[in-house]
């Protein structure tokens, strides 16, 4: 049975839904309000290290990294041509090169986030101040990513925390809402735009 734990902070608005602007020029996977609110919570922590699992074109990775001071370190983990990815490798590589040219330190890891080789590589680059898990949206996938990477991070954000029962185009259920309901607590943050079927949850280690 899903838990119904309260969260400490909630961001909501009632403006018309708007997809985020993207550096790649491709359709955004984020809503602008939810993305901006997530970044504002991140920036409150004065972070200089960032981990993102499930980067697709690299648009969210770009937006978060450029909100951090120059010289900050970012690690992007992605599995192109997966259920949740697509033919995105060239876009992501281009984004990472652009960030490097801007003065950020970037590491790109292409592979399954649950493979031990990938986990070990990320661990060798950590710890991280903040992270976004937006890769495999199946229950075992998001749970596995959380168990592998949350010990390395102070704050962990999740995309698609609402809309349980939504399906990927391949007919696979989005199960992030189920996992989020199990781990959220009173020091967590929820960012849900009115009418959104996405939503962002931010988990913190505090009092855990």
N, C-alpha and C. Protein backbone atom coordinates (compact mmCIF):
# COMPACT_ATOMS: atom_id res chain seq x y z
N UNK A 1 0.85 -1.20 0.00
CA UNK A 1 0.00 0.00 0.00
C UNK A 1 0.88 1.24 0.00
N UNK A 2 0.52 2.22 -0.80
CA UNK A 2 1.29 3.45 -0.86
C UNK A 2 1.08 4.26 0.42
N UNK A 3 2.16 4.84 0.91
CA UNK A 3 2.08 5.72 2.05
C UNK A 3 1.61 7.10 1.60
N UNK A 4 1.12 7.89 2.53
CA UNK A 4 0.71 9.26 2.22
C UNK A 4 1.40 10.21 3.18
N UNK A 5 2.72 10.24 3.09
CA UNK A 5 3.50 11.07 4.00
C UNK A 5 3.44 12.53 3.60
N UNK A 6 3.35 13.42 4.60
CA UNK A 6 3.37 14.86 4.27
C UNK A 6 4.76 15.30 3.88
N UNK A 7 4.86 16.43 3.19
CA UNK A 7 6.15 17.02 2.87
C UNK A 7 6.23 18.39 3.49
N UNK A 8 7.45 18.88 3.65
CA UNK A 8 7.64 20.14 4.35
C UNK A 8 7.30 21.37 3.53
N UNK A 9 7.60 21.35 2.22
CA UNK A 9 7.37 22.51 1.36
C UNK A 9 6.71 22.06 0.07
N UNK A 10 5.81 22.89 -0.41
CA UNK A 10 5.18 22.62 -1.68
C UNK A 10 5.16 23.88 -2.52
N UNK A 11 5.55 23.75 -3.78
CA UNK A 11 5.50 24.84 -4.74
C UNK A 11 4.36 24.54 -5.70
N UNK A 12 3.45 25.47 -5.86
CA UNK A 12 2.37 25.29 -6.83
C UNK A 12 2.06 26.63 -7.48
N UNK A 13 1.56 26.60 -8.70
CA UNK A 13 1.02 27.81 -9.31
C UNK A 13 -0.15 27.42 -10.20
N UNK A 14 -0.85 28.41 -10.69
CA UNK A 14 -2.03 28.12 -11.52
C UNK A 14 -1.92 28.78 -12.89
N UNK A 15 -0.70 29.02 -13.34
CA UNK A 15 -0.49 29.59 -14.66
C UNK A 15 -0.66 28.50 -15.72
N UNK A 16 -0.90 28.85 -16.96
CA UNK A 16 -0.99 27.84 -18.02
C UNK A 16 0.31 27.04 -18.11
N UNK A 17 0.19 25.74 -18.31
CA UNK A 17 1.37 24.89 -18.40
C UNK A 17 2.25 25.32 -19.56
N UNK A 18 3.54 25.40 -19.33
CA UNK A 18 4.49 25.81 -20.35
C UNK A 18 5.72 24.92 -20.29
N UNK A 19 6.04 24.32 -21.43
CA UNK A 19 7.27 23.53 -21.50
C UNK A 19 8.48 24.44 -21.38
N UNK A 20 9.53 23.91 -20.78
CA UNK A 20 10.75 24.69 -20.59
C UNK A 20 11.42 24.99 -21.94
N UNK A 21 12.12 26.11 -22.00
CA UNK A 21 12.98 26.39 -23.13
C UNK A 21 14.17 25.43 -23.07
N UNK A 22 14.72 25.07 -24.23
CA UNK A 22 15.81 24.10 -24.25
C UNK A 22 17.01 24.60 -25.04
N UNK A 23 18.20 24.21 -24.60
CA UNK A 23 19.41 24.59 -25.33
C UNK A 23 19.55 23.74 -26.59
N UNK A 24 18.97 22.54 -26.59
CA UNK A 24 19.09 21.65 -27.75
C UNK A 24 18.13 22.00 -28.87
N UNK A 25 17.07 22.74 -28.52
CA UNK A 25 16.04 23.04 -29.49
C UNK A 25 15.00 21.94 -29.62
N UNK A 26 15.17 20.86 -28.86
CA UNK A 26 14.22 19.76 -28.88
C UNK A 26 13.11 20.00 -27.86
N UNK A 27 12.03 19.24 -27.97
CA UNK A 27 10.91 19.39 -27.04
C UNK A 27 11.37 19.10 -25.61
N UNK A 28 11.02 19.99 -24.71
CA UNK A 28 11.46 19.87 -23.32
C UNK A 28 10.76 18.73 -22.60
N UNK A 29 11.49 18.09 -21.71
CA UNK A 29 10.90 17.07 -20.86
C UNK A 29 10.46 17.64 -19.53
N UNK A 30 10.64 18.94 -19.34
CA UNK A 30 10.30 19.60 -18.08
C UNK A 30 9.33 20.74 -18.34
N UNK A 31 8.54 21.07 -17.32
CA UNK A 31 7.74 22.29 -17.34
C UNK A 31 8.58 23.43 -16.78
N UNK A 32 8.47 24.60 -17.39
CA UNK A 32 9.33 25.72 -17.02
C UNK A 32 9.23 26.08 -15.54
N UNK A 33 8.00 26.15 -15.03
CA UNK A 33 7.84 26.53 -13.62
C UNK A 33 8.48 25.51 -12.69
N UNK A 34 8.24 24.23 -12.96
CA UNK A 34 8.77 23.18 -12.10
C UNK A 34 10.30 23.16 -12.15
N UNK A 35 10.85 23.33 -13.33
CA UNK A 35 12.31 23.37 -13.48
C UNK A 35 12.90 24.55 -12.74
N UNK A 36 12.32 25.73 -12.91
CA UNK A 36 12.84 26.93 -12.24
C UNK A 36 12.77 26.79 -10.72
N UNK A 37 11.68 26.22 -10.22
CA UNK A 37 11.52 26.06 -8.77
C UNK A 37 12.54 25.05 -8.23
N UNK A 38 12.76 23.97 -8.97
CA UNK A 38 13.76 22.99 -8.54
C UNK A 38 15.15 23.64 -8.46
N UNK A 39 15.50 24.40 -9.48
CA UNK A 39 16.81 25.04 -9.48
C UNK A 39 16.92 26.04 -8.33
N UNK A 40 15.84 26.72 -8.01
CA UNK A 40 15.88 27.68 -6.90
C UNK A 40 16.15 26.96 -5.57
N UNK A 41 15.58 25.77 -5.39
CA UNK A 41 15.85 24.98 -4.18
C UNK A 41 17.30 24.51 -4.19
N UNK A 42 17.78 24.07 -5.33
CA UNK A 42 19.18 23.65 -5.43
C UNK A 42 20.11 24.79 -5.05
N UNK A 43 19.87 25.96 -5.62
CA UNK A 43 20.78 27.09 -5.43
C UNK A 43 20.84 27.52 -3.96
N UNK A 44 19.77 27.30 -3.22
CA UNK A 44 19.76 27.61 -1.78
C UNK A 44 20.87 26.86 -1.04
N UNK A 45 21.31 25.74 -1.59
CA UNK A 45 22.33 24.91 -0.94
C UNK A 45 23.76 25.34 -1.28
N UNK A 46 23.90 26.34 -2.13
CA UNK A 46 25.23 26.79 -2.59
C UNK A 46 26.06 25.63 -3.14
N UNK A 47 25.49 24.87 -4.06
CA UNK A 47 26.19 23.68 -4.55
C UNK A 47 27.28 24.00 -5.55
N UNK A 48 28.25 23.12 -5.62
CA UNK A 48 29.30 23.21 -6.64
C UNK A 48 29.52 21.87 -7.33
N UNK A 49 28.75 20.84 -6.93
CA UNK A 49 28.85 19.53 -7.57
C UNK A 49 27.44 19.00 -7.82
N UNK A 50 27.25 18.43 -9.01
CA UNK A 50 25.91 18.00 -9.44
C UNK A 50 25.99 16.69 -10.19
N UNK A 51 25.06 15.79 -9.86
CA UNK A 51 24.93 14.52 -10.55
C UNK A 51 23.54 14.44 -11.18
N UNK A 52 23.49 14.07 -12.47
CA UNK A 52 22.21 13.85 -13.12
C UNK A 52 22.21 12.48 -13.79
N UNK A 53 21.22 11.67 -13.45
CA UNK A 53 21.05 10.34 -14.04
C UNK A 53 19.82 10.38 -14.93
N UNK A 54 20.03 10.18 -16.22
CA UNK A 54 18.95 10.29 -17.19
C UNK A 54 18.91 11.68 -17.77
N UNK A 55 19.82 11.97 -18.69
CA UNK A 55 20.02 13.35 -19.16
C UNK A 55 19.39 13.64 -20.53
N UNK A 56 19.09 12.61 -21.27
CA UNK A 56 18.50 12.73 -22.60
C UNK A 56 19.32 13.70 -23.47
N UNK A 57 18.74 14.83 -23.88
CA UNK A 57 19.45 15.79 -24.74
C UNK A 57 20.44 16.65 -23.96
N UNK A 58 20.34 16.65 -22.64
CA UNK A 58 21.22 17.46 -21.82
C UNK A 58 20.65 18.81 -21.44
N UNK A 59 19.38 19.05 -21.73
CA UNK A 59 18.81 20.37 -21.49
C UNK A 59 18.71 20.72 -20.00
N UNK A 60 18.20 19.80 -19.19
CA UNK A 60 18.11 20.07 -17.75
C UNK A 60 19.50 20.12 -17.14
N UNK A 61 20.38 19.25 -17.60
CA UNK A 61 21.77 19.27 -17.12
C UNK A 61 22.39 20.63 -17.38
N UNK A 62 22.16 21.16 -18.56
CA UNK A 62 22.68 22.48 -18.91
C UNK A 62 22.10 23.56 -18.01
N UNK A 63 20.80 23.53 -17.79
CA UNK A 63 20.15 24.57 -16.99
C UNK A 63 20.62 24.54 -15.54
N UNK A 64 20.78 23.34 -14.98
CA UNK A 64 21.26 23.27 -13.60
C UNK A 64 22.72 23.70 -13.52
N UNK A 65 23.55 23.19 -14.40
CA UNK A 65 24.97 23.54 -14.34
C UNK A 65 25.20 25.04 -14.48
N UNK A 66 24.48 25.68 -15.39
CA UNK A 66 24.70 27.12 -15.61
C UNK A 66 24.13 27.97 -14.48
N UNK A 67 23.42 27.34 -13.54
CA UNK A 67 22.98 28.06 -12.35
C UNK A 67 24.03 27.99 -11.24
N UNK A 68 25.06 27.18 -11.44
CA UNK A 68 26.14 27.01 -10.47
C UNK A 68 27.33 27.88 -10.85
N UNK A 69 28.22 28.15 -9.90
CA UNK A 69 29.39 28.97 -10.21
C UNK A 69 30.28 28.29 -11.25
N UNK A 70 30.94 29.11 -12.09
CA UNK A 70 31.90 28.57 -13.04
C UNK A 70 32.96 27.77 -12.27
N UNK A 71 33.38 26.68 -12.85
CA UNK A 71 34.32 25.80 -12.18
C UNK A 71 33.65 24.66 -11.43
N UNK A 72 32.33 24.71 -11.30
CA UNK A 72 31.61 23.63 -10.64
C UNK A 72 31.72 22.35 -11.45
N UNK A 73 31.51 21.22 -10.77
CA UNK A 73 31.65 19.92 -11.40
C UNK A 73 30.28 19.27 -11.62
N UNK A 74 30.08 18.74 -12.81
CA UNK A 74 28.84 18.03 -13.12
C UNK A 74 29.12 16.68 -13.72
N UNK A 75 28.38 15.67 -13.29
CA UNK A 75 28.49 14.32 -13.83
C UNK A 75 27.16 13.94 -14.46
N UNK A 76 27.18 13.63 -15.75
CA UNK A 76 25.98 13.26 -16.49
C UNK A 76 26.04 11.77 -16.81
N UNK A 77 24.99 11.04 -16.42
CA UNK A 77 24.91 9.61 -16.67
C UNK A 77 23.68 9.36 -17.55
N UNK A 78 23.88 8.69 -18.67
CA UNK A 78 22.75 8.47 -19.57
C UNK A 78 22.95 7.20 -20.39
N UNK A 79 21.82 6.58 -20.76
CA UNK A 79 21.82 5.40 -21.60
C UNK A 79 21.02 5.70 -22.86
N UNK A 80 21.67 6.23 -23.90
CA UNK A 80 20.95 6.55 -25.13
C UNK A 80 20.29 5.31 -25.74
N UNK A 81 19.20 5.58 -26.46
CA UNK A 81 18.45 4.52 -27.15
C UNK A 81 17.80 3.52 -26.20
N UNK A 82 17.57 3.95 -24.96
CA UNK A 82 16.80 3.14 -24.02
C UNK A 82 15.34 3.54 -24.11
N UNK A 83 14.47 2.89 -23.31
CA UNK A 83 13.06 3.26 -23.29
C UNK A 83 12.88 4.74 -22.99
N UNK A 84 13.70 5.25 -22.09
CA UNK A 84 13.51 6.61 -21.59
C UNK A 84 14.43 7.60 -22.27
N UNK A 85 15.24 7.14 -23.20
CA UNK A 85 16.19 8.03 -23.85
C UNK A 85 15.84 8.30 -25.29
N UNK A 86 16.47 7.59 -26.19
CA UNK A 86 16.28 7.83 -27.61
C UNK A 86 17.62 8.11 -28.26
N UNK A 87 17.58 8.56 -29.49
CA UNK A 87 18.81 8.85 -30.23
C UNK A 87 19.32 10.23 -29.85
N UNK A 88 19.89 10.31 -28.65
CA UNK A 88 20.21 11.61 -28.06
C UNK A 88 21.70 11.81 -27.79
N UNK A 89 22.50 10.82 -28.07
CA UNK A 89 23.90 10.85 -27.66
C UNK A 89 24.65 12.07 -28.19
N UNK A 90 24.49 12.37 -29.47
CA UNK A 90 25.22 13.51 -30.05
C UNK A 90 24.81 14.82 -29.40
N UNK A 91 23.52 14.99 -29.13
CA UNK A 91 23.04 16.21 -28.47
C UNK A 91 23.68 16.35 -27.09
N UNK A 92 23.68 15.25 -26.33
CA UNK A 92 24.22 15.29 -24.98
C UNK A 92 25.71 15.58 -24.98
N UNK A 93 26.44 14.96 -25.89
CA UNK A 93 27.87 15.23 -25.98
C UNK A 93 28.13 16.70 -26.32
N UNK A 94 27.34 17.25 -27.22
CA UNK A 94 27.50 18.65 -27.60
C UNK A 94 27.23 19.57 -26.42
N UNK A 95 26.19 19.24 -25.63
CA UNK A 95 25.89 20.04 -24.44
C UNK A 95 27.05 20.02 -23.46
N UNK A 96 27.62 18.83 -23.24
CA UNK A 96 28.73 18.72 -22.30
C UNK A 96 29.94 19.51 -22.78
N UNK A 97 30.22 19.47 -24.07
CA UNK A 97 31.35 20.23 -24.60
C UNK A 97 31.11 21.74 -24.47
N UNK A 98 29.87 22.15 -24.66
CA UNK A 98 29.56 23.58 -24.50
C UNK A 98 29.77 24.02 -23.06
N UNK A 99 29.36 23.18 -22.11
CA UNK A 99 29.56 23.52 -20.70
C UNK A 99 31.04 23.59 -20.34
N UNK A 100 31.82 22.69 -20.89
CA UNK A 100 33.26 22.73 -20.65
C UNK A 100 33.86 24.03 -21.16
N UNK A 101 33.40 24.45 -22.34
CA UNK A 101 33.91 25.68 -22.93
C UNK A 101 33.54 26.90 -22.09
N UNK A 102 32.48 26.77 -21.31
CA UNK A 102 32.03 27.87 -20.45
C UNK A 102 32.76 27.89 -19.11
N UNK A 103 33.59 26.88 -18.85
CA UNK A 103 34.38 26.87 -17.63
C UNK A 103 33.92 25.89 -16.57
N UNK A 104 33.01 24.98 -16.93
CA UNK A 104 32.56 23.95 -15.99
C UNK A 104 33.36 22.68 -16.20
N UNK A 105 33.52 21.92 -15.13
CA UNK A 105 34.19 20.62 -15.20
C UNK A 105 33.11 19.55 -15.37
N UNK A 106 33.18 18.80 -16.43
CA UNK A 106 32.10 17.88 -16.80
C UNK A 106 32.64 16.47 -17.05
N UNK A 107 31.91 15.49 -16.55
CA UNK A 107 32.18 14.08 -16.83
C UNK A 107 30.91 13.45 -17.39
N UNK A 108 31.02 12.86 -18.57
CA UNK A 108 29.88 12.19 -19.19
C UNK A 108 30.10 10.68 -19.15
N UNK A 109 29.12 9.97 -18.59
CA UNK A 109 29.18 8.51 -18.52
C UNK A 109 28.01 7.95 -19.30
N UNK A 110 28.29 7.23 -20.37
CA UNK A 110 27.25 6.61 -21.18
C UNK A 110 27.16 5.14 -20.81
N UNK A 111 26.04 4.74 -20.25
CA UNK A 111 25.87 3.37 -19.82
C UNK A 111 24.68 3.24 -18.90
N UNK A 112 24.36 2.01 -18.55
CA UNK A 112 23.25 1.73 -17.64
C UNK A 112 23.61 2.18 -16.23
N UNK A 113 22.78 3.00 -15.64
CA UNK A 113 23.06 3.55 -14.32
C UNK A 113 23.10 2.49 -13.23
N UNK A 114 22.53 1.31 -13.50
CA UNK A 114 22.50 0.25 -12.50
C UNK A 114 23.62 -0.77 -12.69
N UNK A 115 24.42 -0.64 -13.76
CA UNK A 115 25.58 -1.51 -13.92
C UNK A 115 26.63 -1.15 -12.88
N UNK A 116 27.26 -2.15 -12.30
CA UNK A 116 28.23 -1.89 -11.24
C UNK A 116 29.39 -1.03 -11.73
N UNK A 117 29.79 -1.19 -12.99
CA UNK A 117 30.87 -0.37 -13.53
C UNK A 117 30.50 1.11 -13.51
N UNK A 118 29.25 1.40 -13.87
CA UNK A 118 28.79 2.80 -13.85
C UNK A 118 28.74 3.33 -12.43
N UNK A 119 28.18 2.53 -11.53
CA UNK A 119 28.07 2.95 -10.12
C UNK A 119 29.44 3.23 -9.55
N UNK A 120 30.39 2.35 -9.80
CA UNK A 120 31.74 2.53 -9.27
C UNK A 120 32.39 3.79 -9.83
N UNK A 121 32.16 4.08 -11.11
CA UNK A 121 32.73 5.27 -11.72
C UNK A 121 32.16 6.53 -11.08
N UNK A 122 30.83 6.54 -10.89
CA UNK A 122 30.19 7.71 -10.28
C UNK A 122 30.70 7.89 -8.85
N UNK A 123 30.80 6.80 -8.11
CA UNK A 123 31.29 6.89 -6.73
C UNK A 123 32.68 7.49 -6.68
N UNK A 124 33.51 7.15 -7.66
CA UNK A 124 34.88 7.68 -7.68
C UNK A 124 34.92 9.18 -7.94
N UNK A 125 33.82 9.71 -8.48
CA UNK A 125 33.75 11.14 -8.80
C UNK A 125 33.03 11.94 -7.72
N UNK A 126 32.34 11.27 -6.82
CA UNK A 126 31.56 11.93 -5.79
C UNK A 126 32.40 12.34 -4.60
N UNK A 127 31.73 12.85 -3.54
CA UNK A 127 30.28 13.02 -3.40
C UNK A 127 29.77 14.23 -4.18
N UNK A 128 28.44 14.41 -4.15
CA UNK A 128 27.78 15.49 -4.87
C UNK A 128 26.86 16.26 -3.93
N UNK A 129 26.79 17.55 -4.15
CA UNK A 129 25.88 18.38 -3.33
C UNK A 129 24.42 18.11 -3.68
N UNK A 130 24.14 17.97 -4.97
CA UNK A 130 22.76 17.83 -5.44
C UNK A 130 22.71 16.79 -6.56
N UNK A 131 21.53 16.20 -6.75
CA UNK A 131 21.38 15.22 -7.82
C UNK A 131 19.95 15.23 -8.33
N UNK A 132 19.79 14.84 -9.58
CA UNK A 132 18.48 14.62 -10.19
C UNK A 132 18.47 13.21 -10.77
N UNK A 133 17.48 12.40 -10.35
CA UNK A 133 17.30 11.06 -10.90
C UNK A 133 16.11 11.11 -11.86
N UNK A 134 16.40 10.97 -13.15
CA UNK A 134 15.36 11.10 -14.18
C UNK A 134 15.61 10.08 -15.29
N UNK A 135 16.05 8.88 -14.88
CA UNK A 135 16.36 7.85 -15.85
C UNK A 135 15.23 6.85 -16.01
N UNK A 136 15.47 5.62 -15.59
CA UNK A 136 14.47 4.55 -15.67
C UNK A 136 13.32 4.88 -14.73
N UNK A 137 12.11 5.02 -15.28
CA UNK A 137 10.95 5.41 -14.47
C UNK A 137 10.17 4.22 -13.93
N UNK A 138 10.62 3.00 -14.22
CA UNK A 138 10.00 1.83 -13.61
C UNK A 138 10.39 1.76 -12.14
N UNK A 139 9.56 1.09 -11.33
CA UNK A 139 9.78 1.07 -9.89
C UNK A 139 11.18 0.56 -9.53
N UNK A 140 11.55 -0.59 -10.05
CA UNK A 140 12.85 -1.15 -9.70
C UNK A 140 13.99 -0.28 -10.22
N UNK A 141 13.76 0.41 -11.33
CA UNK A 141 14.78 1.28 -11.88
C UNK A 141 15.05 2.48 -11.00
N UNK A 142 13.99 3.20 -10.63
CA UNK A 142 14.18 4.41 -9.82
C UNK A 142 14.63 4.05 -8.41
N UNK A 143 14.13 2.93 -7.89
CA UNK A 143 14.58 2.48 -6.57
C UNK A 143 16.06 2.12 -6.61
N UNK A 144 16.48 1.43 -7.66
CA UNK A 144 17.88 1.07 -7.78
C UNK A 144 18.79 2.28 -7.90
N UNK A 145 18.37 3.27 -8.68
CA UNK A 145 19.16 4.50 -8.80
C UNK A 145 19.27 5.21 -7.45
N UNK A 146 18.16 5.26 -6.73
CA UNK A 146 18.16 5.93 -5.42
C UNK A 146 19.10 5.21 -4.46
N UNK A 147 19.02 3.90 -4.42
CA UNK A 147 19.86 3.14 -3.49
C UNK A 147 21.34 3.26 -3.85
N UNK A 148 21.62 3.35 -5.15
CA UNK A 148 23.01 3.44 -5.60
C UNK A 148 23.61 4.82 -5.36
N UNK A 149 22.82 5.87 -5.60
CA UNK A 149 23.40 7.22 -5.67
C UNK A 149 23.03 8.16 -4.52
N UNK A 150 21.94 7.90 -3.81
CA UNK A 150 21.58 8.82 -2.72
C UNK A 150 22.63 8.88 -1.62
N UNK A 151 23.38 7.79 -1.33
CA UNK A 151 24.43 7.94 -0.31
C UNK A 151 25.51 8.94 -0.68
N UNK A 152 25.59 9.30 -1.96
CA UNK A 152 26.62 10.23 -2.42
C UNK A 152 26.16 11.67 -2.41
N UNK A 153 24.88 11.92 -2.08
CA UNK A 153 24.28 13.24 -2.32
C UNK A 153 23.56 13.78 -1.09
N UNK A 154 23.57 15.10 -0.94
CA UNK A 154 22.83 15.74 0.13
C UNK A 154 21.35 15.90 -0.21
N UNK A 155 21.06 16.27 -1.45
CA UNK A 155 19.70 16.42 -1.94
C UNK A 155 19.54 15.59 -3.21
N UNK A 156 18.40 14.92 -3.32
CA UNK A 156 18.12 14.13 -4.51
C UNK A 156 16.75 14.51 -5.04
N UNK A 157 16.69 14.96 -6.29
CA UNK A 157 15.42 15.31 -6.91
C UNK A 157 14.95 14.19 -7.83
N UNK A 158 13.63 14.08 -7.94
CA UNK A 158 12.99 13.09 -8.81
C UNK A 158 12.03 13.81 -9.74
N UNK A 159 12.03 13.43 -11.00
CA UNK A 159 11.06 13.97 -11.95
C UNK A 159 9.92 12.97 -12.13
N UNK A 160 8.71 13.49 -12.41
CA UNK A 160 7.52 12.67 -12.66
C UNK A 160 6.99 12.00 -11.40
N UNK A 161 6.80 12.79 -10.34
CA UNK A 161 6.29 12.23 -9.07
C UNK A 161 4.77 12.17 -9.01
N UNK A 162 4.09 12.72 -10.03
CA UNK A 162 2.62 12.65 -10.06
C UNK A 162 2.19 11.84 -11.28
N UNK A 163 0.91 11.55 -11.35
CA UNK A 163 0.41 10.87 -12.53
C UNK A 163 0.69 9.39 -12.54
N UNK A 164 0.59 8.73 -11.39
CA UNK A 164 0.80 7.29 -11.34
C UNK A 164 -0.15 6.59 -12.31
N UNK A 165 0.38 5.66 -13.07
CA UNK A 165 -0.45 4.98 -14.07
C UNK A 165 -0.18 5.47 -15.47
N UNK A 166 0.55 6.59 -15.59
CA UNK A 166 0.95 7.03 -16.93
C UNK A 166 1.83 5.96 -17.57
N UNK A 167 1.80 5.92 -18.89
CA UNK A 167 2.59 4.92 -19.58
C UNK A 167 3.55 5.57 -20.57
N UNK A 168 4.71 4.98 -20.68
CA UNK A 168 5.64 5.32 -21.74
C UNK A 168 5.06 4.82 -23.06
N UNK A 169 5.57 5.33 -24.16
CA UNK A 169 5.04 4.96 -25.46
C UNK A 169 5.15 3.46 -25.74
N UNK A 170 6.06 2.78 -25.03
CA UNK A 170 6.21 1.34 -25.21
C UNK A 170 5.24 0.56 -24.32
N UNK A 171 4.36 1.28 -23.61
CA UNK A 171 3.39 0.62 -22.75
C UNK A 171 3.89 0.34 -21.35
N UNK A 172 5.03 0.90 -20.99
CA UNK A 172 5.63 0.66 -19.68
C UNK A 172 5.14 1.73 -18.70
N UNK A 173 4.72 1.30 -17.53
CA UNK A 173 4.18 2.24 -16.56
C UNK A 173 5.27 3.13 -15.95
N UNK A 174 4.91 4.39 -15.73
CA UNK A 174 5.75 5.32 -14.98
C UNK A 174 5.43 5.10 -13.50
N UNK A 175 6.43 4.62 -12.75
CA UNK A 175 6.19 4.23 -11.35
C UNK A 175 6.96 5.09 -10.35
N UNK A 176 7.46 6.23 -10.80
CA UNK A 176 8.13 7.15 -9.87
C UNK A 176 7.18 7.59 -8.75
N UNK A 177 5.89 7.89 -9.03
CA UNK A 177 5.00 8.30 -7.94
C UNK A 177 4.92 7.27 -6.81
N UNK A 178 4.92 6.01 -7.17
CA UNK A 178 4.86 4.94 -6.15
C UNK A 178 6.09 5.00 -5.26
N UNK A 179 7.28 5.11 -5.86
CA UNK A 179 8.49 5.14 -5.04
C UNK A 179 8.58 6.42 -4.22
N UNK A 180 8.20 7.55 -4.82
CA UNK A 180 8.24 8.82 -4.10
C UNK A 180 7.34 8.76 -2.86
N UNK A 181 6.18 8.14 -2.98
CA UNK A 181 5.26 8.06 -1.83
C UNK A 181 5.86 7.27 -0.68
N UNK A 182 6.81 6.41 -0.98
CA UNK A 182 7.43 5.58 0.06
C UNK A 182 8.56 6.28 0.80
N UNK A 183 9.23 7.23 0.16
CA UNK A 183 10.41 7.82 0.77
C UNK A 183 10.24 9.27 1.22
N UNK A 184 9.18 9.94 0.76
CA UNK A 184 9.04 11.36 1.11
C UNK A 184 8.75 11.51 2.60
N UNK A 185 9.20 12.64 3.14
CA UNK A 185 9.03 12.92 4.56
C UNK A 185 8.91 14.43 4.75
N UNK A 186 8.81 14.86 5.99
CA UNK A 186 8.47 16.27 6.26
C UNK A 186 9.56 17.25 5.88
N UNK A 187 10.75 16.80 5.57
CA UNK A 187 11.80 17.71 5.11
C UNK A 187 11.97 17.69 3.60
N UNK A 188 11.09 17.00 2.92
CA UNK A 188 11.13 16.95 1.46
C UNK A 188 10.36 18.13 0.86
N UNK A 189 10.56 18.33 -0.43
CA UNK A 189 9.92 19.42 -1.17
C UNK A 189 9.17 18.83 -2.35
N UNK A 190 7.96 19.31 -2.61
CA UNK A 190 7.22 18.94 -3.81
C UNK A 190 6.96 20.17 -4.66
N UNK A 191 7.23 20.05 -5.95
CA UNK A 191 7.02 21.13 -6.91
C UNK A 191 6.07 20.61 -7.97
N UNK A 192 4.82 21.07 -7.92
CA UNK A 192 3.80 20.54 -8.82
C UNK A 192 2.98 21.70 -9.38
N UNK A 193 3.15 21.95 -10.65
CA UNK A 193 2.36 22.99 -11.30
C UNK A 193 0.92 22.53 -11.45
N UNK A 194 -0.02 23.44 -11.31
CA UNK A 194 -1.43 23.10 -11.44
C UNK A 194 -1.69 22.42 -12.77
N UNK A 195 -2.29 21.23 -12.72
CA UNK A 195 -2.59 20.48 -13.93
C UNK A 195 -1.44 19.64 -14.45
N UNK A 196 -0.31 19.67 -13.79
CA UNK A 196 0.86 18.94 -14.24
C UNK A 196 0.69 17.44 -14.06
N UNK A 197 1.20 16.69 -15.04
CA UNK A 197 1.30 15.24 -14.91
C UNK A 197 2.76 14.83 -14.72
N UNK A 198 3.57 15.81 -14.35
CA UNK A 198 4.99 15.54 -14.13
C UNK A 198 5.31 15.72 -12.64
N UNK A 199 5.70 16.91 -12.26
CA UNK A 199 6.01 17.18 -10.85
C UNK A 199 7.42 16.77 -10.49
N UNK A 200 8.00 17.50 -9.54
CA UNK A 200 9.35 17.23 -9.06
C UNK A 200 9.31 17.09 -7.54
N UNK A 201 9.95 16.07 -7.04
CA UNK A 201 10.12 15.89 -5.60
C UNK A 201 11.58 15.99 -5.25
N UNK A 202 11.89 16.65 -4.12
CA UNK A 202 13.28 16.79 -3.67
C UNK A 202 13.41 16.18 -2.29
N UNK A 203 14.22 15.15 -2.21
CA UNK A 203 14.47 14.40 -0.97
C UNK A 203 15.75 14.89 -0.33
N UNK A 204 15.75 14.97 0.99
CA UNK A 204 16.94 15.38 1.71
C UNK A 204 17.28 14.36 2.78
N UNK A 205 18.54 14.26 3.12
CA UNK A 205 18.99 13.32 4.14
C UNK A 205 18.63 13.77 5.55
N UNK A 206 18.26 15.01 5.72
CA UNK A 206 18.03 15.57 7.04
C UNK A 206 17.03 14.72 7.81
N UNK A 207 17.39 14.39 9.06
CA UNK A 207 16.54 13.59 9.96
C UNK A 207 16.30 12.19 9.45
N UNK A 208 17.14 11.74 8.51
CA UNK A 208 16.96 10.36 8.03
C UNK A 208 17.91 9.43 8.78
